[in-house]
Amino acid sequence: MHRRKSALAAVLLLVLSAACASAPPPPRDTRPLGDMTAKPLACDGLISARVLRIVVGTLPILTTTTGGPDKRLPRGRYYSSCNVKVDDAREWALDVGLSDPFRGTPEELADTMAFDRGRPLPEGLGPGYSATVPEGKEPAFAYVYGWTPGHERLLSIRILLGAPRDSEADAIELFRYLKPIMLNQEKPR
């Protein structure tokens, strides 16, 4: 009798394992991000909350923005970073950061690009690169680093992998939108 129960449990375990393994992945979301300025806005009025929902793949979104007086944006706003979290998750789902001044070196950027197997940004969008970092010490994420020609400022966009989307492509599109706002600005005096 004991052998029969053990055999039945083993068969059930095999059936459940096969059923779970054969479940198809969720369909890939290929919607364009849409209007980056559509209301309601998040990240201190910089990015549409609807766009952020598409990027992270779920609702609701909680954002926190930090900044200081040396992080001036047009219309008198200050900016340093925006962290987007989903629900009460411990991890960020998306992070947009501005390093102004950028304290790294061109060599450090080149080393990081090589280590992460980054690719140069599309024509006319650089200088900068994008990469996807697999699971390791941190959860897997995609990111873009783009900077001013003299390396004075660096804009970073990091998206935690999880939504069934091309997170690296989303990071590039967010960078395309934010670059003229955050990197092509004149420094405050």
N, C-alpha and C. Protein backbone atom coordinates (compact mmCIF):
# COMPACT_ATOMS: atom_id res chain seq x y z
N MET A 1 0.82 -1.19 0.00
CA MET A 1 0.00 0.00 0.00
C MET A 1 0.87 1.26 0.00
N HIS A 2 1.94 1.23 0.79
CA HIS A 2 2.82 2.40 0.86
C HIS A 2 3.48 2.67 -0.49
N ARG A 3 3.88 1.58 -1.19
CA ARG A 3 4.50 1.74 -2.51
C ARG A 3 3.52 2.35 -3.50
N ARG A 4 2.26 1.94 -3.40
CA ARG A 4 1.24 2.44 -4.31
C ARG A 4 1.05 3.94 -4.11
N LYS A 5 1.03 4.42 -2.86
CA LYS A 5 0.89 5.85 -2.56
C LYS A 5 2.10 6.63 -3.06
N SER A 6 3.28 6.06 -2.89
CA SER A 6 4.50 6.72 -3.36
C SER A 6 4.52 6.81 -4.88
N ALA A 7 4.09 5.73 -5.54
CA ALA A 7 4.06 5.73 -7.00
C ALA A 7 3.03 6.74 -7.50
N LEU A 8 1.87 6.79 -6.85
CA LEU A 8 0.83 7.74 -7.23
C LEU A 8 1.32 9.18 -7.03
N ALA A 9 1.99 9.45 -5.94
CA ALA A 9 2.53 10.79 -5.69
C ALA A 9 3.57 11.16 -6.75
N ALA A 10 4.41 10.20 -7.14
CA ALA A 10 5.44 10.47 -8.15
C ALA A 10 4.80 10.77 -9.49
N VAL A 11 3.74 10.02 -9.86
CA VAL A 11 3.05 10.27 -11.12
C VAL A 11 2.39 11.64 -11.10
N LEU A 12 1.73 11.98 -10.00
CA LEU A 12 1.11 13.31 -9.89
C LEU A 12 2.14 14.41 -10.01
N LEU A 13 3.28 14.24 -9.38
CA LEU A 13 4.35 15.23 -9.46
C LEU A 13 4.84 15.40 -10.89
N LEU A 14 4.99 14.31 -11.61
CA LEU A 14 5.42 14.37 -13.01
C LEU A 14 4.38 15.07 -13.88
N VAL A 15 3.10 14.76 -13.67
CA VAL A 15 2.04 15.39 -14.46
C VAL A 15 2.00 16.89 -14.19
N LEU A 16 2.08 17.28 -12.91
CA LEU A 16 2.08 18.70 -12.57
C LEU A 16 3.30 19.41 -13.14
N SER A 17 4.46 18.78 -13.08
CA SER A 17 5.68 19.39 -13.63
C SER A 17 5.55 19.58 -15.13
N ALA A 18 5.01 18.60 -15.82
CA ALA A 18 4.85 18.70 -17.27
C ALA A 18 3.85 19.78 -17.63
N ALA A 19 2.76 19.87 -16.85
CA ALA A 19 1.75 20.89 -17.13
C ALA A 19 2.32 22.29 -16.94
N CYS A 20 3.09 22.48 -15.89
CA CYS A 20 3.68 23.80 -15.63
C CYS A 20 4.73 24.14 -16.69
N ALA A 21 5.52 23.15 -17.08
CA ALA A 21 6.59 23.41 -18.04
C ALA A 21 6.04 23.70 -19.43
N SER A 22 4.86 23.16 -19.74
CA SER A 22 4.32 23.35 -21.09
C SER A 22 3.47 24.61 -21.22
N ALA A 23 3.26 25.34 -20.13
CA ALA A 23 2.47 26.56 -20.20
C ALA A 23 3.22 27.59 -21.05
N PRO A 24 2.54 28.14 -22.06
CA PRO A 24 3.23 29.11 -22.93
C PRO A 24 3.51 30.41 -22.18
N PRO A 25 4.57 31.10 -22.56
CA PRO A 25 4.85 32.40 -21.93
C PRO A 25 3.76 33.39 -22.33
N PRO A 26 3.59 34.45 -21.53
CA PRO A 26 2.58 35.45 -21.91
C PRO A 26 2.95 36.09 -23.24
N PRO A 27 1.94 36.51 -24.00
CA PRO A 27 2.26 37.14 -25.30
C PRO A 27 3.08 38.41 -25.11
N ARG A 28 3.99 38.65 -26.03
CA ARG A 28 4.86 39.83 -25.97
C ARG A 28 4.05 41.08 -26.27
N ASP A 29 4.20 42.08 -25.44
CA ASP A 29 3.52 43.36 -25.63
C ASP A 29 4.35 44.20 -26.59
N THR A 30 3.83 44.48 -27.76
CA THR A 30 4.58 45.24 -28.76
C THR A 30 3.97 46.62 -29.01
N ARG A 31 3.05 47.04 -28.13
CA ARG A 31 2.46 48.37 -28.31
C ARG A 31 3.56 49.44 -28.27
N PRO A 32 3.42 50.48 -29.11
CA PRO A 32 4.35 51.60 -28.97
C PRO A 32 4.08 52.30 -27.64
N LEU A 33 5.09 52.99 -27.14
CA LEU A 33 4.93 53.67 -25.85
C LEU A 33 3.91 54.80 -25.93
N GLY A 34 3.78 55.40 -27.09
CA GLY A 34 2.77 56.46 -27.24
C GLY A 34 3.29 57.82 -26.83
N ASP A 35 2.35 58.71 -26.54
CA ASP A 35 2.64 60.10 -26.22
C ASP A 35 3.29 60.20 -24.84
N MET A 36 4.56 60.57 -24.82
CA MET A 36 5.31 60.67 -23.56
C MET A 36 4.80 61.80 -22.66
N THR A 37 4.03 62.73 -23.24
CA THR A 37 3.58 63.89 -22.46
C THR A 37 2.09 63.82 -22.11
N ALA A 38 1.42 62.69 -22.40
CA ALA A 38 -0.01 62.57 -22.09
C ALA A 38 -0.23 62.57 -20.58
N LYS A 39 -1.26 63.27 -20.16
CA LYS A 39 -1.56 63.34 -18.73
C LYS A 39 -2.33 62.10 -18.32
N PRO A 40 -2.20 61.66 -17.09
CA PRO A 40 -1.46 62.26 -15.99
C PRO A 40 0.05 62.02 -16.14
N LEU A 41 0.80 62.95 -15.55
CA LEU A 41 2.26 62.88 -15.64
C LEU A 41 2.86 62.37 -14.34
N ALA A 42 4.01 61.74 -14.43
CA ALA A 42 4.75 61.24 -13.28
C ALA A 42 6.18 61.75 -13.38
N CYS A 43 7.00 61.36 -12.43
CA CYS A 43 8.42 61.78 -12.41
C CYS A 43 8.53 63.30 -12.49
N ASP A 44 7.87 63.96 -11.59
CA ASP A 44 7.90 65.42 -11.51
C ASP A 44 7.45 66.07 -12.80
N GLY A 45 6.45 65.47 -13.45
CA GLY A 45 5.88 66.07 -14.64
C GLY A 45 6.65 65.82 -15.92
N LEU A 46 7.58 64.86 -15.92
CA LEU A 46 8.41 64.61 -17.10
C LEU A 46 7.86 63.56 -18.05
N ILE A 47 7.23 62.51 -17.51
CA ILE A 47 6.84 61.36 -18.33
C ILE A 47 5.40 60.98 -18.04
N SER A 48 4.67 60.61 -19.07
CA SER A 48 3.30 60.17 -18.91
C SER A 48 3.23 58.92 -18.02
N ALA A 49 2.31 58.94 -17.07
CA ALA A 49 2.11 57.76 -16.22
C ALA A 49 1.62 56.58 -17.06
N ARG A 50 0.89 56.85 -18.13
CA ARG A 50 0.42 55.77 -19.01
C ARG A 50 1.62 55.07 -19.68
N VAL A 51 2.60 55.84 -20.10
CA VAL A 51 3.80 55.27 -20.70
C VAL A 51 4.54 54.41 -19.68
N LEU A 52 4.66 54.91 -18.47
CA LEU A 52 5.34 54.14 -17.43
C LEU A 52 4.61 52.83 -17.15
N ARG A 53 3.28 52.84 -17.18
CA ARG A 53 2.51 51.61 -16.97
C ARG A 53 2.80 50.59 -18.07
N ILE A 54 2.92 51.04 -19.30
CA ILE A 54 3.25 50.13 -20.40
C ILE A 54 4.64 49.53 -20.18
N VAL A 55 5.60 50.37 -19.81
CA VAL A 55 6.98 49.92 -19.64
C VAL A 55 7.10 48.87 -18.53
N VAL A 56 6.47 49.13 -17.37
CA VAL A 56 6.62 48.18 -16.25
C VAL A 56 5.60 47.06 -16.29
N GLY A 57 4.55 47.22 -17.10
CA GLY A 57 3.63 46.13 -17.35
C GLY A 57 2.52 45.91 -16.36
N THR A 58 2.31 46.82 -15.42
CA THR A 58 1.25 46.59 -14.44
C THR A 58 0.85 47.89 -13.76
N LEU A 59 -0.20 47.84 -12.99
CA LEU A 59 -0.69 48.96 -12.19
C LEU A 59 -0.65 48.56 -10.73
N PRO A 60 -0.72 49.42 -9.76
CA PRO A 60 -0.49 50.86 -9.90
C PRO A 60 0.98 51.19 -9.87
N ILE A 61 1.30 52.43 -10.15
CA ILE A 61 2.68 52.88 -10.16
C ILE A 61 2.88 53.90 -9.05
N LEU A 62 3.93 53.74 -8.30
CA LEU A 62 4.32 54.70 -7.29
C LEU A 62 5.65 55.30 -7.74
N THR A 63 5.77 56.61 -7.75
CA THR A 63 7.03 57.22 -8.16
C THR A 63 7.55 58.12 -7.06
N THR A 64 8.85 58.18 -6.96
CA THR A 64 9.50 59.13 -6.06
C THR A 64 10.56 59.87 -6.86
N THR A 65 10.61 61.16 -6.67
CA THR A 65 11.58 61.99 -7.38
C THR A 65 12.45 62.69 -6.36
N THR A 66 13.76 62.67 -6.59
CA THR A 66 14.67 63.37 -5.70
C THR A 66 15.45 64.37 -6.53
N GLY A 67 15.89 65.41 -5.90
CA GLY A 67 16.66 66.41 -6.63
C GLY A 67 17.28 67.42 -5.69
N GLY A 68 18.11 68.25 -6.25
CA GLY A 68 18.76 69.30 -5.49
C GLY A 68 18.85 70.56 -6.33
N PRO A 69 19.28 71.65 -5.74
CA PRO A 69 19.30 72.92 -6.46
C PRO A 69 20.23 72.95 -7.67
N ASP A 70 21.18 72.01 -7.77
CA ASP A 70 22.05 72.01 -8.95
C ASP A 70 21.48 71.14 -10.06
N LYS A 71 20.23 70.69 -9.93
CA LYS A 71 19.60 69.83 -10.93
C LYS A 71 18.41 70.55 -11.57
N ARG A 72 18.64 71.68 -12.17
CA ARG A 72 17.56 72.50 -12.69
C ARG A 72 17.14 72.04 -14.09
N LEU A 73 15.84 71.92 -14.26
CA LEU A 73 15.24 71.64 -15.56
C LEU A 73 14.47 72.87 -16.01
N PRO A 74 14.02 72.91 -17.26
CA PRO A 74 13.22 74.04 -17.70
C PRO A 74 12.04 74.29 -16.77
N ARG A 75 11.54 75.47 -16.73
CA ARG A 75 10.42 75.90 -15.90
C ARG A 75 10.75 75.85 -14.42
N GLY A 76 12.01 75.93 -14.06
CA GLY A 76 12.40 76.05 -12.67
C GLY A 76 12.34 74.77 -11.86
N ARG A 77 12.16 73.60 -12.48
CA ARG A 77 12.12 72.36 -11.73
C ARG A 77 13.54 71.85 -11.51
N TYR A 78 13.70 71.07 -10.46
CA TYR A 78 14.99 70.45 -10.16
C TYR A 78 14.85 68.95 -10.32
N TYR A 79 15.90 68.28 -10.68
CA TYR A 79 15.79 66.86 -10.96
C TYR A 79 17.10 66.14 -10.69
N SER A 80 16.99 64.98 -10.09
CA SER A 80 18.14 64.11 -9.94
C SER A 80 17.77 62.69 -10.35
N SER A 81 16.67 62.16 -9.80
CA SER A 81 16.25 60.82 -10.22
C SER A 81 14.77 60.61 -9.97
N CYS A 82 14.23 59.64 -10.69
CA CYS A 82 12.85 59.21 -10.49
C CYS A 82 12.87 57.69 -10.41
N ASN A 83 12.35 57.16 -9.33
CA ASN A 83 12.26 55.72 -9.14
C ASN A 83 10.80 55.31 -9.23
N VAL A 84 10.53 54.34 -10.06
CA VAL A 84 9.16 53.86 -10.26
C VAL A 84 9.07 52.47 -9.64
N LYS A 85 8.11 52.31 -8.74
CA LYS A 85 7.88 51.02 -8.10
C LYS A 85 6.47 50.58 -8.39
N VAL A 86 6.25 49.28 -8.34
CA VAL A 86 4.93 48.71 -8.55
C VAL A 86 4.42 48.22 -7.20
N ASP A 87 3.24 48.68 -6.82
CA ASP A 87 2.65 48.33 -5.53
C ASP A 87 3.64 48.63 -4.41
N ASP A 88 3.80 47.68 -3.49
CA ASP A 88 4.73 47.87 -2.38
C ASP A 88 6.02 47.08 -2.59
N ALA A 89 6.36 46.83 -3.85
CA ALA A 89 7.55 46.04 -4.15
C ALA A 89 8.79 46.70 -3.57
N ARG A 90 9.71 45.86 -3.12
CA ARG A 90 10.96 46.37 -2.56
C ARG A 90 11.86 46.92 -3.65
N GLU A 91 11.84 46.28 -4.82
CA GLU A 91 12.71 46.67 -5.92
C GLU A 91 12.05 47.76 -6.78
N TRP A 92 12.87 48.60 -7.37
CA TRP A 92 12.37 49.56 -8.35
C TRP A 92 12.05 48.80 -9.63
N ALA A 93 11.10 49.30 -10.41
CA ALA A 93 10.78 48.70 -11.70
C ALA A 93 11.42 49.51 -12.82
N LEU A 94 11.60 50.81 -12.58
CA LEU A 94 12.23 51.70 -13.56
C LEU A 94 12.90 52.81 -12.79
N ASP A 95 14.07 53.22 -13.27
CA ASP A 95 14.81 54.30 -12.62
C ASP A 95 15.37 55.21 -13.71
N VAL A 96 15.10 56.50 -13.59
CA VAL A 96 15.66 57.51 -14.49
C VAL A 96 16.55 58.40 -13.63
N GLY A 97 17.81 58.55 -14.01
CA GLY A 97 18.72 59.36 -13.21
C GLY A 97 19.55 60.30 -14.05
N LEU A 98 19.84 61.44 -13.48
CA LEU A 98 20.71 62.43 -14.12
C LEU A 98 21.89 62.69 -13.20
N SER A 99 23.08 62.46 -13.72
CA SER A 99 24.31 62.78 -12.97
C SER A 99 24.85 64.08 -13.55
N ASP A 100 24.75 65.14 -12.76
CA ASP A 100 25.16 66.47 -13.22
C ASP A 100 25.80 67.21 -12.06
N PRO A 101 27.13 67.21 -12.01
CA PRO A 101 28.07 66.76 -13.04
C PRO A 101 28.30 65.26 -12.96
N PHE A 102 28.67 64.67 -14.09
CA PHE A 102 29.04 63.28 -14.13
C PHE A 102 30.44 63.16 -13.59
N ARG A 103 30.64 62.33 -12.59
CA ARG A 103 31.94 62.24 -11.92
C ARG A 103 32.79 61.07 -12.42
N GLY A 104 32.27 60.28 -13.36
CA GLY A 104 33.04 59.16 -13.91
C GLY A 104 33.95 59.62 -15.03
N THR A 105 34.63 58.67 -15.62
CA THR A 105 35.55 58.98 -16.72
C THR A 105 35.07 58.27 -17.99
N PRO A 106 35.52 58.76 -19.15
CA PRO A 106 35.20 58.06 -20.40
C PRO A 106 35.68 56.59 -20.38
N GLU A 107 36.81 56.36 -19.73
CA GLU A 107 37.34 55.00 -19.66
C GLU A 107 36.42 54.10 -18.85
N GLU A 108 35.87 54.61 -17.74
CA GLU A 108 34.94 53.81 -16.93
C GLU A 108 33.69 53.46 -17.73
N LEU A 109 33.18 54.42 -18.50
CA LEU A 109 32.01 54.15 -19.34
C LEU A 109 32.33 53.07 -20.38
N ALA A 110 33.51 53.17 -21.01
CA ALA A 110 33.91 52.18 -22.01
C ALA A 110 34.07 50.79 -21.37
N ASP A 111 34.65 50.74 -20.17
CA ASP A 111 34.82 49.46 -19.48
C ASP A 111 33.47 48.84 -19.12
N THR A 112 32.54 49.65 -18.64
CA THR A 112 31.21 49.15 -18.28
C THR A 112 30.48 48.66 -19.52
N MET A 113 30.59 49.41 -20.62
CA MET A 113 29.96 49.01 -21.87
C MET A 113 30.51 47.65 -22.33
N ALA A 114 31.81 47.48 -22.26
CA ALA A 114 32.42 46.21 -22.68
C ALA A 114 32.00 45.07 -21.75
N PHE A 115 32.03 45.31 -20.45
CA PHE A 115 31.68 44.27 -19.48
C PHE A 115 30.23 43.81 -19.66
N ASP A 116 29.31 44.76 -19.89
CA ASP A 116 27.89 44.44 -20.04
C ASP A 116 27.49 44.10 -21.48
N ARG A 117 28.50 44.06 -22.37
CA ARG A 117 28.24 43.78 -23.79
C ARG A 117 27.24 44.77 -24.38
N GLY A 118 27.45 46.04 -24.09
CA GLY A 118 26.57 47.09 -24.57
C GLY A 118 26.72 47.36 -26.06
N ARG A 119 25.70 47.99 -26.60
CA ARG A 119 25.69 48.37 -28.01
C ARG A 119 25.54 49.88 -28.11
N PRO A 120 26.23 50.51 -29.05
CA PRO A 120 26.08 51.96 -29.20
C PRO A 120 24.62 52.32 -29.47
N LEU A 121 24.23 53.49 -29.01
CA LEU A 121 22.87 53.97 -29.27
C LEU A 121 22.66 54.16 -30.77
N PRO A 122 21.41 54.11 -31.24
CA PRO A 122 21.13 54.32 -32.66
C PRO A 122 21.70 55.65 -33.17
N GLU A 123 21.95 55.69 -34.46
CA GLU A 123 22.51 56.87 -35.14
C GLU A 123 21.79 58.15 -34.70
N GLY A 124 22.58 59.16 -34.35
CA GLY A 124 22.04 60.46 -33.98
C GLY A 124 21.55 60.57 -32.55
N LEU A 125 21.60 59.48 -31.78
CA LEU A 125 21.10 59.51 -30.41
C LEU A 125 22.22 59.58 -29.38
N GLY A 126 23.42 59.19 -29.76
CA GLY A 126 24.56 59.13 -28.83
C GLY A 126 25.17 60.47 -28.57
N PRO A 127 26.26 60.52 -27.82
CA PRO A 127 27.04 59.37 -27.38
C PRO A 127 26.33 58.61 -26.25
N GLY A 128 26.53 57.30 -26.27
CA GLY A 128 25.93 56.45 -25.25
C GLY A 128 25.79 55.03 -25.75
N TYR A 129 25.23 54.18 -24.89
CA TYR A 129 25.03 52.78 -25.25
C TYR A 129 23.87 52.19 -24.46
N SER A 130 23.41 51.03 -24.90
CA SER A 130 22.37 50.29 -24.19
C SER A 130 22.86 48.88 -23.94
N ALA A 131 22.29 48.23 -22.92
CA ALA A 131 22.68 46.87 -22.59
C ALA A 131 21.57 46.21 -21.79
N THR A 132 21.60 44.89 -21.77
CA THR A 132 20.73 44.11 -20.89
C THR A 132 21.63 43.27 -20.01
N VAL A 133 21.43 43.38 -18.71
CA VAL A 133 22.26 42.67 -17.74
C VAL A 133 21.46 41.49 -17.20
N PRO A 134 21.97 40.26 -17.34
CA PRO A 134 21.22 39.09 -16.87
C PRO A 134 21.20 39.03 -15.34
N GLU A 135 20.35 38.16 -14.85
CA GLU A 135 20.24 37.92 -13.40
C GLU A 135 21.62 37.61 -12.84
N GLY A 136 21.92 38.18 -11.69
CA GLY A 136 23.22 37.97 -11.05
C GLY A 136 23.14 38.48 -9.64
N LYS A 137 24.05 39.38 -9.29
CA LYS A 137 24.00 39.98 -7.96
C LYS A 137 22.74 40.83 -7.81
N GLU A 138 22.26 41.39 -8.91
CA GLU A 138 21.04 42.18 -8.94
C GLU A 138 20.03 41.47 -9.83
N PRO A 139 18.74 41.82 -9.70
CA PRO A 139 17.78 41.27 -10.67
C PRO A 139 18.14 41.74 -12.09
N ALA A 140 17.73 40.98 -13.08
CA ALA A 140 18.03 41.33 -14.48
C ALA A 140 17.39 42.66 -14.84
N PHE A 141 18.12 43.48 -15.60
CA PHE A 141 17.59 44.77 -16.03
C PHE A 141 18.22 45.18 -17.35
N ALA A 142 17.52 46.09 -18.04
CA ALA A 142 18.04 46.70 -19.27
C ALA A 142 18.31 48.16 -18.94
N TYR A 143 19.29 48.74 -19.63
CA TYR A 143 19.59 50.14 -19.33
C TYR A 143 20.18 50.86 -20.52
N VAL A 144 20.12 52.18 -20.43
CA VAL A 144 20.78 53.09 -21.37
C VAL A 144 21.61 54.06 -20.54
N TYR A 145 22.84 54.28 -20.96
CA TYR A 145 23.66 55.39 -20.46
C TYR A 145 23.93 56.28 -21.67
N GLY A 146 23.58 57.54 -21.54
CA GLY A 146 23.88 58.51 -22.57
C GLY A 146 24.45 59.75 -21.91
N TRP A 147 25.36 60.44 -22.59
CA TRP A 147 26.04 61.56 -21.96
C TRP A 147 26.26 62.67 -22.96
N THR A 148 26.64 63.82 -22.42
CA THR A 148 26.97 64.96 -23.27
C THR A 148 28.34 64.70 -23.90
N PRO A 149 28.63 65.34 -25.05
CA PRO A 149 29.90 65.07 -25.75
C PRO A 149 31.14 65.24 -24.87
N GLY A 150 31.13 66.15 -23.94
CA GLY A 150 32.29 66.34 -23.06
C GLY A 150 32.20 65.57 -21.76
N HIS A 151 31.22 64.69 -21.63
CA HIS A 151 31.02 63.87 -20.42
C HIS A 151 30.66 64.69 -19.19
N GLU A 152 30.05 65.88 -19.39
CA GLU A 152 29.68 66.71 -18.24
C GLU A 152 28.47 66.15 -17.50
N ARG A 153 27.50 65.59 -18.25
CA ARG A 153 26.26 65.06 -17.66
C ARG A 153 26.00 63.67 -18.23
N LEU A 154 25.40 62.81 -17.39
CA LEU A 154 25.04 61.46 -17.81
C LEU A 154 23.57 61.22 -17.46
N LEU A 155 22.81 60.74 -18.43
CA LEU A 155 21.42 60.35 -18.22
C LEU A 155 21.36 58.83 -18.25
N SER A 156 20.81 58.23 -17.20
CA SER A 156 20.68 56.77 -17.15
C SER A 156 19.21 56.39 -17.02
N ILE A 157 18.84 55.34 -17.72
CA ILE A 157 17.49 54.79 -17.65
C ILE A 157 17.65 53.29 -17.46
N ARG A 158 17.11 52.78 -16.35
CA ARG A 158 17.21 51.34 -16.05
C ARG A 158 15.80 50.79 -15.86
N ILE A 159 15.52 49.66 -16.51
CA ILE A 159 14.22 49.02 -16.43
C ILE A 159 14.43 47.59 -15.96
N LEU A 160 13.81 47.25 -14.84
CA LEU A 160 13.88 45.89 -14.33
C LEU A 160 13.11 44.97 -15.28
N LEU A 161 13.73 43.88 -15.69
CA LEU A 161 13.06 42.96 -16.60
C LEU A 161 11.92 42.26 -15.86
N GLY A 162 10.82 42.10 -16.53
CA GLY A 162 9.68 41.45 -15.92
C GLY A 162 8.45 41.56 -16.80
N ALA A 163 8.21 42.73 -17.35
CA ALA A 163 7.09 42.90 -18.28
C ALA A 163 7.43 42.17 -19.57
N PRO A 164 6.43 41.60 -20.24
CA PRO A 164 6.73 40.88 -21.50
C PRO A 164 6.95 41.85 -22.65
N ARG A 165 7.99 42.65 -22.53
CA ARG A 165 8.33 43.67 -23.53
C ARG A 165 9.82 43.64 -23.79
N ASP A 166 10.26 44.36 -24.81
CA ASP A 166 11.67 44.56 -25.07
C ASP A 166 12.10 45.75 -24.22
N SER A 167 12.56 45.48 -23.01
CA SER A 167 12.89 46.55 -22.07
C SER A 167 14.03 47.41 -22.54
N GLU A 168 14.99 46.84 -23.26
CA GLU A 168 16.09 47.64 -23.78
C GLU A 168 15.59 48.64 -24.82
N ALA A 169 14.68 48.21 -25.69
CA ALA A 169 14.08 49.12 -26.68
C ALA A 169 13.28 50.22 -25.98
N ASP A 170 12.56 49.86 -24.91
CA ASP A 170 11.81 50.87 -24.15
C ASP A 170 12.75 51.89 -23.51
N ALA A 171 13.88 51.41 -22.97
CA ALA A 171 14.85 52.33 -22.37
C ALA A 171 15.40 53.29 -23.43
N ILE A 172 15.64 52.79 -24.63
CA ILE A 172 16.14 53.66 -25.71
C ILE A 172 15.09 54.70 -26.08
N GLU A 173 13.82 54.29 -26.15
CA GLU A 173 12.77 55.26 -26.49
C GLU A 173 12.59 56.31 -25.40
N LEU A 174 12.67 55.91 -24.15
CA LEU A 174 12.61 56.89 -23.06
C LEU A 174 13.80 57.85 -23.15
N PHE A 175 14.97 57.32 -23.46
CA PHE A 175 16.15 58.16 -23.62
C PHE A 175 15.95 59.14 -24.78
N ARG A 176 15.41 58.66 -25.90
CA ARG A 176 15.17 59.51 -27.07
C ARG A 176 14.29 60.72 -26.68
N TYR A 177 13.29 60.46 -25.86
CA TYR A 177 12.39 61.53 -25.41
C TYR A 177 13.07 62.46 -24.40
N LEU A 178 13.80 61.90 -23.43
CA LEU A 178 14.35 62.70 -22.33
C LEU A 178 15.65 63.42 -22.67
N LYS A 179 16.39 62.95 -23.65
CA LYS A 179 17.70 63.54 -23.97
C LYS A 179 17.62 65.05 -24.21
N PRO A 180 16.72 65.55 -25.07
CA PRO A 180 16.71 67.00 -25.28
C PRO A 180 16.30 67.79 -24.03
N ILE A 181 15.54 67.16 -23.16
CA ILE A 181 15.09 67.84 -21.94
C ILE A 181 16.20 67.86 -20.90
N MET A 182 16.93 66.75 -20.77
CA MET A 182 17.84 66.62 -19.65
C MET A 182 19.32 66.76 -19.99
N LEU A 183 19.71 66.47 -21.22
CA LEU A 183 21.14 66.57 -21.56
C LEU A 183 21.45 67.81 -22.41
N ASN A 184 20.52 68.30 -23.16
CA ASN A 184 20.80 69.44 -24.03
C ASN A 184 20.46 70.77 -23.39
N GLN A 185 20.17 70.73 -22.12
CA GLN A 185 19.85 71.96 -21.41
C GLN A 185 21.13 72.71 -21.02
N GLU A 186 20.98 74.00 -20.81
CA GLU A 186 22.12 74.77 -20.30
C GLU A 186 22.15 74.62 -18.79
N LYS A 187 23.34 74.59 -18.25
CA LYS A 187 23.48 74.50 -16.80
C LYS A 187 22.99 75.76 -16.14
N PRO A 188 22.32 75.65 -14.97
CA PRO A 188 21.89 76.84 -14.26
C PRO A 188 23.09 77.61 -13.74
N ARG A 189 22.91 78.87 -13.60
CA ARG A 189 24.00 79.71 -13.08
C ARG A 189 23.74 80.08 -11.65
